[in-house]
Protein backbone atom coordinates (compact mmCIF):
# COMPACT_ATOMS: atom_id res chain seq x y z
CA MET A 1 9.11 17.30 7.64
CA PRO A 2 11.05 13.32 9.06
CA ILE A 3 9.12 10.18 7.52
CA VAL A 4 9.23 7.49 10.71
CA LEU A 5 9.71 3.56 10.06
CA ASP A 6 8.59 1.40 12.02
CA ALA A 7 12.25 -0.67 13.07
CA MET A 8 10.27 -3.72 14.61
CA GLY A 9 7.60 -4.38 11.48
CA SER A 10 9.65 -6.92 9.13
CA ASP A 11 9.97 -11.03 9.39
CA ASN A 12 13.40 -10.18 9.85
CA PHE A 13 13.13 -6.97 12.00
CA PRO A 14 15.35 -4.22 13.13
CA PHE A 15 18.31 -5.17 9.82
CA PRO A 16 16.08 -4.28 7.06
CA GLU A 17 14.39 -1.08 8.70
CA VAL A 18 17.69 0.11 9.65
CA ASP A 19 19.48 -0.32 6.73
CA ALA A 20 16.70 0.98 4.69
CA ALA A 21 16.47 4.12 6.62
CA TYR A 22 20.18 5.04 5.84
CA GLN A 23 19.83 4.52 2.12
CA ALA A 24 16.44 6.00 2.04
CA ALA A 25 18.08 8.90 4.17
CA ALA A 26 21.16 9.45 1.97
CA GLU A 27 19.51 8.55 -1.96
CA LEU A 28 16.47 10.97 -0.99
CA ASP A 29 18.66 13.35 1.15
CA THR A 30 15.48 13.24 3.90
CA LYS A 31 15.13 12.18 7.63
CA VAL A 32 14.28 9.08 8.65
CA ILE A 33 13.13 7.98 11.87
CA LEU A 34 13.66 4.75 12.70
CA VAL A 35 11.00 4.15 15.65
CA GLY A 36 11.58 0.51 17.99
CA GLN A 37 13.34 -0.77 20.95
CA GLN A 38 16.71 1.26 21.50
CA GLU A 39 18.47 -1.06 22.58
CA LYS A 40 18.33 -3.89 19.78
CA LEU A 41 18.37 -1.21 17.42
CA GLN A 42 21.02 1.26 18.33
CA PRO A 43 23.86 -1.44 18.55
CA LEU A 44 23.23 -1.74 14.41
CA MET A 45 23.31 1.78 13.88
CA ASP A 46 26.64 2.52 15.77
CA GLN A 47 27.72 0.26 13.09
CA LYS A 48 26.58 2.12 10.69
CA THR A 49 28.11 5.61 9.29
CA ASP A 50 26.65 8.76 11.16
CA ASP A 51 23.84 10.68 9.34
CA PRO A 52 22.15 13.36 10.79
CA ARG A 53 19.47 12.44 8.74
CA VAL A 54 18.48 8.98 10.40
CA GLU A 55 17.04 9.32 14.17
CA LEU A 56 16.32 7.08 16.90
CA VAL A 57 12.78 7.43 19.22
CA HIS A 58 12.23 4.54 21.31
CA ALA A 59 9.07 2.48 21.80
CA PRO A 60 9.21 -0.26 24.37
CA GLU A 61 6.67 -2.57 22.40
CA ILE A 62 6.44 -4.77 19.59
CA LEU A 63 3.26 -5.24 17.75
CA GLU A 64 3.54 -8.68 16.82
CA MET A 65 1.97 -10.75 13.95
CA SER A 66 -0.03 -12.94 16.33
CA ASP A 67 -1.60 -10.32 18.09
CA LYS A 68 -4.79 -9.74 17.92
CA PRO A 69 -4.77 -6.25 16.48
CA ALA A 70 -7.74 -4.09 17.96
CA ARG A 71 -7.03 -5.32 21.80
CA ASN A 72 -3.14 -5.42 22.35
CA ALA A 73 -3.17 -1.74 19.98
CA ARG A 74 -4.75 -0.51 23.15
CA ARG A 75 -3.05 -2.77 25.53
CA LYS A 76 0.71 -2.15 24.31
CA ALA A 77 0.25 1.43 24.17
CA ASP A 78 3.66 1.67 23.56
CA ASN A 79 4.03 -0.05 20.24
CA SER A 80 6.19 1.11 17.53
CA MET A 81 3.29 1.58 15.53
CA ALA A 82 1.79 3.71 18.23
CA ILE A 83 4.32 6.12 18.98
CA GLY A 84 5.24 6.38 15.01
CA MET A 85 2.05 7.73 13.94
CA ASP A 86 2.11 9.89 17.58
CA LEU A 87 5.24 12.16 15.38
CA ILE A 88 2.57 12.67 13.02
CA LYS A 89 -0.44 13.62 15.29
CA THR A 90 1.82 16.18 16.87
CA GLY A 91 2.86 17.17 13.98
CA LYS A 92 6.67 15.95 14.45
CA ALA A 93 6.37 13.83 10.81
CA GLU A 94 4.42 13.56 7.66
CA ALA A 95 4.32 10.04 6.69
CA PHE A 96 4.38 6.46 8.27
CA VAL A 97 5.71 3.14 7.23
CA THR A 98 5.73 -0.31 8.13
CA ALA A 99 6.25 -3.88 7.17
CA GLY A 100 3.99 -4.69 10.42
CA ASN A 101 1.08 -6.82 11.31
CA THR A 102 -2.02 -5.27 8.70
CA GLY A 103 -4.24 -5.30 11.02
CA GLY A 104 -2.54 -3.38 13.99
CA ALA A 105 -1.85 -0.92 11.40
CA MET A 106 -5.52 -0.35 10.44
CA ALA A 107 -5.82 -0.39 14.45
CA ASN A 108 -3.33 1.86 15.68
CA GLY A 109 -4.18 4.32 12.51
CA LEU A 110 -8.15 4.50 13.62
CA PHE A 111 -7.14 5.01 17.50
CA ARG A 112 -4.06 7.50 17.47
CA LEU A 113 -5.38 9.53 13.84
CA GLY A 114 -8.75 9.35 13.64
CA ARG A 115 -10.49 8.64 10.04
CA ILE A 116 -10.85 11.46 7.30
CA PRO A 117 -14.56 12.71 8.26
CA GLY A 118 -16.90 11.25 6.47
CA VAL A 119 -14.25 8.25 5.41
CA LYS A 120 -16.14 4.97 7.05
CA ARG A 121 -13.41 2.57 6.09
CA PRO A 122 -9.77 3.19 5.19
CA ALA A 123 -8.96 1.11 2.68
CA LEU A 124 -5.41 -0.35 1.14
CA ALA A 125 -4.28 0.35 -2.17
CA THR A 126 -1.14 -0.35 -4.60
CA ALA A 127 0.29 -0.28 -7.73
CA LEU A 128 0.27 -3.06 -9.83
CA PRO A 129 2.08 -3.69 -13.61
CA THR A 130 -0.06 -3.67 -16.43
CA LYS A 131 0.40 -4.17 -20.58
CA ARG A 132 0.13 0.12 -19.85
CA GLY A 133 2.25 0.75 -16.98
CA PHE A 134 0.77 0.90 -13.63
CA ALA A 135 -2.74 0.34 -12.32
CA ILE A 136 -4.26 0.93 -8.48
CA ALA A 137 -6.44 -2.21 -6.64
CA VAL A 138 -8.48 -1.28 -3.32
CA ASP A 139 -9.28 -2.65 -1.03
CA ILE A 140 -6.32 -5.05 -1.37
CA GLY A 141 -7.01 -6.21 2.54
CA ALA A 142 -8.19 -3.79 5.04
CA ASN A 143 -12.02 -4.85 5.27
CA ALA A 144 -12.63 -8.46 4.54
CA ASP A 145 -16.66 -7.32 5.03
CA CYS A 146 -17.84 -4.39 2.34
CA LYS A 147 -20.80 -2.62 1.58
CA PRO A 148 -21.81 -0.73 -1.48
CA GLN A 149 -21.08 2.99 -0.31
CA TYR A 150 -16.91 1.15 1.45
CA LEU A 151 -16.71 0.36 -2.00
CA LEU A 152 -18.03 3.45 -3.78
CA GLN A 153 -15.21 5.29 -1.38
CA PHE A 154 -12.66 3.12 -1.89
CA GLY A 155 -13.56 4.01 -6.00
CA ILE A 156 -13.05 7.56 -5.26
CA MET A 157 -9.74 7.42 -2.98
CA GLY A 158 -8.39 4.88 -5.41
CA SER A 159 -9.15 7.35 -8.34
CA ILE A 160 -6.96 10.53 -6.21
CA TYR A 161 -4.09 8.06 -5.67
CA ALA A 162 -4.21 7.44 -9.47
CA GLU A 163 -3.95 11.14 -10.16
CA LYS A 164 -1.99 12.05 -7.90
CA ILE A 165 0.69 9.15 -7.69
CA LEU A 166 0.32 7.73 -11.27
CA GLY A 167 0.05 10.97 -12.93
CA ILE A 168 -3.45 9.39 -15.02
CA GLU A 169 -6.07 12.25 -15.45
CA ARG A 170 -9.94 11.03 -14.86
CA PRO A 171 -8.61 7.32 -14.46
CA LYS A 172 -11.10 4.84 -15.65
CA VAL A 173 -12.58 3.47 -12.39
CA GLY A 174 -13.88 -0.90 -12.90
CA LEU A 175 -15.72 -2.75 -10.28
CA LEU A 176 -14.10 -6.14 -10.22
CA SER A 177 -16.77 -9.08 -10.99
CA ASN A 178 -16.96 -12.18 -13.17
CA GLY A 179 -18.11 -10.93 -15.92
CA GLU A 180 -18.41 -7.33 -18.12
CA GLU A 181 -21.76 -7.14 -18.69
CA GLU A 182 -24.13 -4.68 -15.74
CA GLY A 183 -25.79 -7.40 -13.71
CA LYS A 184 -23.04 -9.99 -13.18
CA GLY A 185 -21.14 -10.34 -9.76
CA ASN A 186 -22.65 -11.04 -6.52
CA GLN A 187 -25.54 -8.62 -4.48
CA LEU A 188 -22.41 -6.43 -3.60
CA VAL A 189 -21.33 -5.54 -6.97
CA LYS A 190 -24.88 -5.49 -8.38
CA GLU A 191 -25.43 -3.06 -5.39
CA SER A 192 -22.35 -1.12 -5.88
CA PHE A 193 -22.84 -0.58 -9.66
CA ALA A 194 -26.20 1.33 -8.86
CA LEU A 195 -23.98 3.78 -6.70
CA PHE A 196 -20.66 4.11 -8.90
CA ALA A 197 -23.10 4.58 -11.88
CA GLU A 198 -24.04 7.93 -11.15
CA SER A 199 -21.55 9.20 -9.42
CA SER A 200 -18.96 11.83 -10.96
CA LEU A 201 -16.12 9.05 -11.32
CA ASN A 202 -15.16 8.15 -14.71
CA PHE A 203 -17.12 4.66 -14.35
CA PHE A 204 -15.85 2.06 -16.31
CA GLY A 205 -18.19 -0.58 -15.14
CA ASN A 206 -17.51 -4.07 -14.39
CA ALA A 207 -14.15 -5.55 -15.06
CA GLU A 208 -12.37 -9.24 -15.11
CA PRO A 209 -8.70 -8.58 -13.90
CA LYS A 210 -7.87 -9.30 -18.01
CA GLU A 211 -9.06 -6.00 -18.59
CA PHE A 212 -7.45 -5.02 -15.25
CA PHE A 213 -3.95 -6.21 -16.62
CA SER A 214 -4.63 -5.24 -20.12
CA GLY A 215 -4.67 -1.65 -18.93
CA GLU A 216 -8.14 -1.02 -19.77
CA VAL A 217 -9.01 0.70 -16.67
CA ASP A 218 -7.05 2.23 -14.12
CA VAL A 219 -8.25 1.41 -10.56
CA LEU A 220 -9.73 -1.85 -9.91
CA VAL A 221 -12.38 -2.11 -6.96
CA CYS A 222 -13.68 -4.79 -4.92
CA ASP A 223 -13.91 -5.55 -1.07
CA GLY A 224 -10.52 -6.83 0.54
CA PHE A 225 -10.90 -10.38 1.06
CA THR A 226 -11.42 -10.12 -2.57
CA GLY A 227 -8.71 -7.79 -3.50
CA ASN A 228 -6.13 -9.37 -0.86
CA ILE A 229 -6.59 -13.21 -3.60
CA LEU A 230 -6.31 -11.00 -6.45
CA ILE A 231 -2.88 -9.89 -5.18
CA LYS A 232 -1.53 -12.83 -3.69
CA THR A 233 -2.37 -14.23 -6.84
CA SER A 234 -1.06 -12.41 -9.03
CA GLU A 235 2.04 -12.44 -6.87
CA SER A 236 2.03 -16.50 -7.38
CA VAL A 237 1.56 -16.34 -10.81
CA SER A 238 4.49 -14.14 -11.80
CA THR A 239 6.94 -16.20 -9.15
CA LEU A 240 5.57 -19.37 -11.28
CA LEU A 241 6.00 -17.82 -14.29
CA LEU A 242 9.96 -17.01 -13.64
CA ASP A 243 10.48 -19.86 -12.50
CA ILE A 244 9.46 -22.25 -15.26
CA MET A 245 10.94 -19.59 -17.83
CA LYS A 246 14.78 -19.53 -15.48
CA GLU A 247 14.34 -24.00 -15.88
CA GLU A 248 13.63 -24.21 -19.60
CA LEU A 249 16.47 -21.77 -20.81
CA SER A 250 18.56 -23.56 -18.96
CA GLY A 251 17.25 -26.67 -20.14
CA ASN A 252 20.24 -27.35 -23.19
CA LEU A 253 23.04 -25.57 -24.84
CA ARG A 254 20.44 -23.92 -27.09
CA THR A 255 18.23 -22.44 -25.03
CA LYS A 256 20.77 -21.36 -23.03
CA LEU A 257 22.50 -19.27 -25.80
CA GLY A 258 18.92 -17.84 -26.62
CA ALA A 259 18.30 -16.71 -22.46
CA GLY A 260 21.97 -15.08 -22.56
CA LEU A 261 20.83 -12.83 -26.10
CA ALA A 262 17.62 -11.93 -24.26
CA MET A 263 19.10 -11.67 -20.55
CA PRO A 264 18.90 -7.57 -20.74
CA ALA A 265 14.89 -8.71 -21.64
CA PHE A 266 14.28 -11.18 -18.66
CA LYS A 267 16.21 -8.85 -15.76
CA ASN A 268 13.91 -6.00 -17.69
CA LEU A 269 10.69 -8.25 -16.88
CA LYS A 270 11.80 -9.61 -13.70
CA LYS A 271 11.97 -6.49 -12.36
CA ILE A 272 8.60 -4.89 -13.21
CA LEU A 273 7.32 -8.13 -11.94
CA ASP A 274 8.81 -7.89 -8.49
CA PRO A 275 6.91 -6.85 -5.63
CA ARG A 276 9.70 -5.31 -4.13
CA GLN A 277 10.07 -2.50 -6.76
CA ILE A 278 6.09 -1.53 -5.71
CA GLY A 279 6.47 -0.78 -1.99
CA ALA A 280 4.19 -0.17 1.01
CA ALA A 281 0.71 0.10 0.10
CA PRO A 282 -1.01 3.65 1.45
CA LEU A 283 -3.81 2.87 4.01
CA LEU A 284 -6.39 5.39 2.17
CA GLY A 285 -8.94 6.94 4.93
CA ILE A 286 -6.25 7.54 7.97
CA ASP A 287 -5.88 11.13 8.42
CA GLY A 288 -2.57 10.95 8.07
CA LEU A 289 -0.09 9.19 5.47
CA VAL A 290 0.24 5.47 6.63
CA PHE A 291 1.81 2.83 4.77
CA VAL A 292 1.74 -0.99 5.20
CA GLY A 293 4.59 -3.09 3.90
CA HIS A 294 4.88 -6.86 3.29
CA GLY A 295 5.94 -8.50 6.33
CA ARG A 296 9.01 -9.73 3.67
CA SER A 297 10.08 -6.31 3.07
CA ASP A 298 14.06 -5.78 2.71
CA ASP A 299 15.64 -3.20 2.64
CA LEU A 300 14.46 -2.99 -1.05
CA ALA A 301 11.50 -2.69 -0.37
CA LEU A 302 11.40 -0.52 2.55
CA VAL A 303 13.15 1.69 0.83
CA ASN A 304 11.07 1.98 -2.37
CA SER A 305 8.50 2.26 0.58
CA ILE A 306 9.99 5.34 1.69
CA LYS A 307 9.98 6.82 -1.84
CA ARG A 308 6.64 6.18 -1.78
CA ALA A 309 5.60 7.87 1.38
CA LYS A 310 7.51 10.80 -0.05
CA GLN A 311 6.07 10.61 -2.94
CA ALA A 312 2.93 10.86 -1.48
CA ILE A 313 3.96 14.09 0.96
CA ASP A 314 5.08 15.73 -2.56
CA ALA A 315 1.65 15.45 -3.94
CA GLN A 316 -0.30 16.80 -1.54
CA LEU A 317 -2.16 13.56 -1.46
CA LEU A 318 -3.94 13.64 2.14
CA PRO A 319 -5.15 17.27 1.57
CA SER A 320 -6.11 15.55 -2.05
CA LEU A 321 -8.26 13.13 -0.39
CA LYS A 322 -9.67 15.11 1.92
CA ALA A 323 -11.33 17.37 -0.73
CA ALA A 324 -11.96 15.00 -3.33
CA ILE A 325 -14.28 13.70 0.33
CA GLN A 326 -16.23 16.23 0.76
CA THR A 327 -16.75 17.29 -2.94
CA GLN A 328 -18.22 13.92 -4.11
CA LEU A 329 -20.00 12.73 -1.35
CA GLY A 330 -21.54 15.48 0.79
CA LYS A 331 -22.09 17.14 3.98
CA ALA A 332 -25.24 15.39 4.11
CA ASP A 333 -23.01 11.89 3.53
CA GLN A 334 -20.38 12.82 5.83
CA GLY A 335 -23.06 12.50 8.62
CA GLU A 336 -24.10 9.69 8.36
CA ALA A 337 -23.21 6.75 11.36
CA ASP A 338 -22.10 3.42 9.88
């Protein structure tokens, strides 16, 4: 089954999307459907070596970054996100990848695919490097305002994602807070703590960023506002450290010689900290596999996003999420109104 790539999503669309589609098709031996404006895509595709694994589906409209998600997702019914997700809904594809408007992806996902029964709010999750490998942070931007029940569901879905994608058995789930002790945090964290403590999750307790990046927790749960700041701060600090190291190591002949000897280690560090290696973040809770990448995504980031989507397909992520929600929340919770 093909993977759909929104060809009108990134800041530099459609150039990185077209390059990524052909690279991913060849590397993964999988079919990729590019969805977007045919008049812009076809000339670029004609310049590529013909590959039957790459297909074009025309979508006349674009959901711009400046568009208001909910209103324009309905007003622009033929936008590339909507048409791409319809391919999943009709069984013609298994996953959708975009580097476009996050709110637009959420709105189109809700309108076109709906939520997994019982899920109150979908959440964005991503893998981040830690001292012990990788760990999951959720929510990183889909929900600025949350209730304790939402955070519990984020923890359940994040735990399943860590199991299926990172291969971690019984992931330790922590609540992002300003202190480790029970009773720390704002009202949302305090009320959420009680729900997590009563759940069947492998609950670590409150966790500061240091517990997360040291690898003591496998899943870090927070509201989308806080999570988005966490992600952007970590990316900014990583860039700052690499820039400082580069400047310091090129300061004189002695440091340049030392840098030359340590170059393999520096290259490996740069790769580990490069967010393009992670690719897109899954929108967990949507009744379909939807992955949202950064607007700055280039062809490398998009290829890795497609890889992440294929990994989720192979790991049966969506059925596992559905089973976890049904088992851990129960029928009564599924029937509650938001």
